[in-house]
Amino acid sequence: MHSPELQAQIALWRQKAADGSMSLDDWKVVVIALRGGRLAAAASSTSGTRKRAMKEIQRADDLLGELERL
């Protein structure tokens, strides 16, 4: 579950994405913020689930790299 502050920020990001005003820096912040929650989930998960989550987290790094190449 996301904190009230993060939920409010997500709502703002959704609005900016809908009206086309998201910048590259905004997208980086989104990926980092949402990735932070995944890191916390990975740390508390079982071994098998943790390995799958870490694969997903590595893909987030790829996404940040793709954003920087735009």
N, C-alpha and C. Protein backbone atom coordinates (compact mmCIF):
# COMPACT_ATOMS: atom_id res chain seq x y z
N MET A 1 0.84 -1.18 0.00
CA MET A 1 0.00 0.00 0.00
C MET A 1 0.88 1.25 0.00
N HIS A 2 0.53 2.21 -0.81
CA HIS A 2 1.31 3.45 -0.91
C HIS A 2 0.89 4.43 0.18
N SER A 3 1.82 5.26 0.59
CA SER A 3 1.53 6.30 1.57
C SER A 3 0.59 7.33 0.93
N PRO A 4 -0.11 8.10 1.75
CA PRO A 4 -0.98 9.14 1.20
C PRO A 4 -0.22 10.15 0.34
N GLU A 5 1.03 10.45 0.74
CA GLU A 5 1.83 11.39 -0.04
C GLU A 5 2.16 10.83 -1.42
N LEU A 6 2.52 9.55 -1.47
CA LEU A 6 2.84 8.93 -2.76
C LEU A 6 1.58 8.80 -3.61
N GLN A 7 0.46 8.49 -2.99
CA GLN A 7 -0.80 8.42 -3.75
C GLN A 7 -1.13 9.76 -4.38
N ALA A 8 -0.92 10.84 -3.64
CA ALA A 8 -1.17 12.18 -4.19
C ALA A 8 -0.22 12.47 -5.34
N GLN A 9 1.04 12.08 -5.19
CA GLN A 9 2.02 12.31 -6.26
C GLN A 9 1.67 11.49 -7.49
N ILE A 10 1.23 10.25 -7.30
CA ILE A 10 0.82 9.40 -8.42
C ILE A 10 -0.34 10.05 -9.17
N ALA A 11 -1.29 10.61 -8.44
CA ALA A 11 -2.42 11.29 -9.07
C ALA A 11 -1.94 12.46 -9.92
N LEU A 12 -0.96 13.21 -9.40
CA LEU A 12 -0.40 14.33 -10.15
C LEU A 12 0.31 13.84 -11.41
N TRP A 13 1.09 12.76 -11.28
CA TRP A 13 1.78 12.19 -12.45
C TRP A 13 0.78 11.72 -13.49
N ARG A 14 -0.30 11.10 -13.05
CA ARG A 14 -1.31 10.63 -14.00
C ARG A 14 -1.91 11.80 -14.78
N GLN A 15 -2.18 12.89 -14.07
CA GLN A 15 -2.74 14.07 -14.73
C GLN A 15 -1.76 14.65 -15.73
N LYS A 16 -0.49 14.76 -15.33
CA LYS A 16 0.52 15.29 -16.23
C LYS A 16 0.70 14.39 -17.45
N ALA A 17 0.65 13.07 -17.25
CA ALA A 17 0.77 12.13 -18.37
C ALA A 17 -0.43 12.28 -19.31
N ALA A 18 -1.60 12.47 -18.74
CA ALA A 18 -2.81 12.61 -19.56
C ALA A 18 -2.79 13.87 -20.40
N ASP A 19 -2.25 14.97 -19.82
CA ASP A 19 -2.24 16.22 -20.60
C ASP A 19 -0.94 16.42 -21.38
N GLY A 20 -0.04 15.44 -21.30
CA GLY A 20 1.18 15.48 -22.11
C GLY A 20 2.28 16.38 -21.58
N SER A 21 2.23 16.73 -20.30
CA SER A 21 3.23 17.66 -19.78
C SER A 21 4.33 16.97 -18.96
N MET A 22 4.43 15.65 -19.02
CA MET A 22 5.48 14.93 -18.30
C MET A 22 6.82 15.14 -19.00
N SER A 23 7.82 15.55 -18.23
CA SER A 23 9.17 15.71 -18.77
C SER A 23 9.97 14.43 -18.54
N LEU A 24 11.11 14.34 -19.15
CA LEU A 24 12.00 13.20 -18.94
C LEU A 24 12.37 13.09 -17.46
N ASP A 25 12.64 14.20 -16.83
CA ASP A 25 12.97 14.19 -15.40
C ASP A 25 11.80 13.69 -14.56
N ASP A 26 10.57 14.07 -14.95
CA ASP A 26 9.39 13.57 -14.25
C ASP A 26 9.32 12.05 -14.33
N TRP A 27 9.57 11.50 -15.52
CA TRP A 27 9.52 10.05 -15.71
C TRP A 27 10.59 9.36 -14.88
N LYS A 28 11.75 9.94 -14.77
CA LYS A 28 12.81 9.37 -13.95
C LYS A 28 12.38 9.30 -12.49
N VAL A 29 11.77 10.38 -12.01
CA VAL A 29 11.29 10.42 -10.63
C VAL A 29 10.23 9.34 -10.41
N VAL A 30 9.33 9.17 -11.37
CA VAL A 30 8.29 8.14 -11.27
C VAL A 30 8.92 6.76 -11.13
N VAL A 31 9.85 6.44 -12.01
CA VAL A 31 10.48 5.12 -11.99
C VAL A 31 11.20 4.90 -10.67
N ILE A 32 11.94 5.89 -10.21
CA ILE A 32 12.67 5.75 -8.95
C ILE A 32 11.72 5.59 -7.78
N ALA A 33 10.66 6.39 -7.73
CA ALA A 33 9.69 6.32 -6.63
C ALA A 33 9.00 4.96 -6.59
N LEU A 34 8.55 4.51 -7.74
CA LEU A 34 7.84 3.23 -7.77
C LEU A 34 8.79 2.06 -7.57
N ARG A 35 10.00 2.21 -8.02
CA ARG A 35 11.01 1.16 -7.82
C ARG A 35 11.34 1.02 -6.33
N GLY A 36 11.30 2.11 -5.60
CA GLY A 36 11.57 2.06 -4.16
C GLY A 36 10.62 1.13 -3.43
N GLY A 37 9.36 1.16 -3.81
CA GLY A 37 8.38 0.26 -3.22
C GLY A 37 8.67 -1.18 -3.56
N ARG A 38 9.15 -1.41 -4.77
CA ARG A 38 9.48 -2.78 -5.19
C ARG A 38 10.68 -3.30 -4.42
N LEU A 39 11.65 -2.42 -4.12
CA LEU A 39 12.81 -2.85 -3.35
C LEU A 39 12.38 -3.28 -1.95
N ALA A 40 11.47 -2.52 -1.35
CA ALA A 40 10.98 -2.88 -0.02
C ALA A 40 10.24 -4.21 -0.06
N ALA A 41 9.45 -4.42 -1.10
CA ALA A 41 8.71 -5.67 -1.23
C ALA A 41 9.67 -6.83 -1.45
N ALA A 42 10.71 -6.61 -2.23
CA ALA A 42 11.68 -7.68 -2.49
C ALA A 42 12.41 -8.09 -1.22
N ALA A 43 12.71 -7.12 -0.38
CA ALA A 43 13.44 -7.41 0.85
C ALA A 43 12.61 -8.25 1.81
N SER A 44 11.30 -8.12 1.77
CA SER A 44 10.46 -8.84 2.72
C SER A 44 9.85 -10.10 2.13
N SER A 45 10.15 -10.43 0.90
CA SER A 45 9.54 -11.60 0.27
C SER A 45 10.35 -12.85 0.51
N THR A 46 9.77 -13.99 0.13
CA THR A 46 10.48 -15.27 0.25
C THR A 46 11.60 -15.34 -0.77
N SER A 47 12.46 -16.31 -0.63
CA SER A 47 13.63 -16.44 -1.50
C SER A 47 13.25 -16.54 -2.97
N GLY A 48 12.33 -17.43 -3.33
CA GLY A 48 11.94 -17.59 -4.73
C GLY A 48 11.28 -16.35 -5.28
N THR A 49 10.41 -15.77 -4.49
CA THR A 49 9.74 -14.55 -4.92
C THR A 49 10.73 -13.40 -5.01
N ARG A 50 11.69 -13.37 -4.10
CA ARG A 50 12.70 -12.31 -4.10
C ARG A 50 13.51 -12.35 -5.38
N LYS A 51 13.88 -13.56 -5.86
CA LYS A 51 14.66 -13.68 -7.09
C LYS A 51 13.88 -13.14 -8.27
N ARG A 52 12.59 -13.44 -8.33
CA ARG A 52 11.76 -12.92 -9.43
C ARG A 52 11.64 -11.40 -9.32
N ALA A 53 11.47 -10.89 -8.11
CA ALA A 53 11.36 -9.44 -7.92
C ALA A 53 12.65 -8.75 -8.33
N MET A 54 13.79 -9.33 -8.00
CA MET A 54 15.07 -8.71 -8.37
C MET A 54 15.23 -8.64 -9.88
N LYS A 55 14.71 -9.64 -10.61
CA LYS A 55 14.76 -9.57 -12.06
C LYS A 55 13.94 -8.38 -12.55
N GLU A 56 12.79 -8.15 -11.94
CA GLU A 56 11.97 -7.00 -12.31
C GLU A 56 12.67 -5.70 -11.97
N ILE A 57 13.33 -5.64 -10.85
CA ILE A 57 14.04 -4.42 -10.45
C ILE A 57 15.16 -4.11 -11.44
N GLN A 58 15.86 -5.12 -11.90
CA GLN A 58 16.90 -4.89 -12.89
C GLN A 58 16.30 -4.31 -14.16
N ARG A 59 15.12 -4.73 -14.52
CA ARG A 59 14.47 -4.16 -15.70
C ARG A 59 14.17 -2.68 -15.50
N ALA A 60 13.93 -2.26 -14.27
CA ALA A 60 13.70 -0.84 -14.00
C ALA A 60 14.95 -0.04 -14.34
N ASP A 61 16.12 -0.61 -14.05
CA ASP A 61 17.37 0.07 -14.43
C ASP A 61 17.45 0.21 -15.94
N ASP A 62 17.03 -0.82 -16.67
CA ASP A 62 17.01 -0.74 -18.13
C ASP A 62 16.08 0.37 -18.59
N LEU A 63 14.94 0.50 -17.92
CA LEU A 63 13.98 1.54 -18.29
C LEU A 63 14.58 2.92 -18.08
N LEU A 64 15.27 3.12 -16.98
CA LEU A 64 15.92 4.42 -16.75
C LEU A 64 16.94 4.70 -17.84
N GLY A 65 17.69 3.67 -18.25
CA GLY A 65 18.65 3.84 -19.34
C GLY A 65 17.99 4.22 -20.63
N GLU A 66 16.84 3.59 -20.90
CA GLU A 66 16.11 3.93 -22.13
C GLU A 66 15.62 5.36 -22.10
N LEU A 67 15.15 5.81 -20.93
CA LEU A 67 14.67 7.20 -20.81
C LEU A 67 15.81 8.18 -21.08
N GLU A 68 17.01 7.87 -20.59
CA GLU A 68 18.13 8.78 -20.79
C GLU A 68 18.56 8.86 -22.24
N ARG A 69 18.30 7.79 -23.01
CA ARG A 69 18.69 7.81 -24.43
C ARG A 69 17.68 8.55 -25.29
N LEU A 70 16.55 8.94 -24.75
CA LEU A 70 15.55 9.67 -25.55
C LEU A 70 16.01 11.05 -25.92
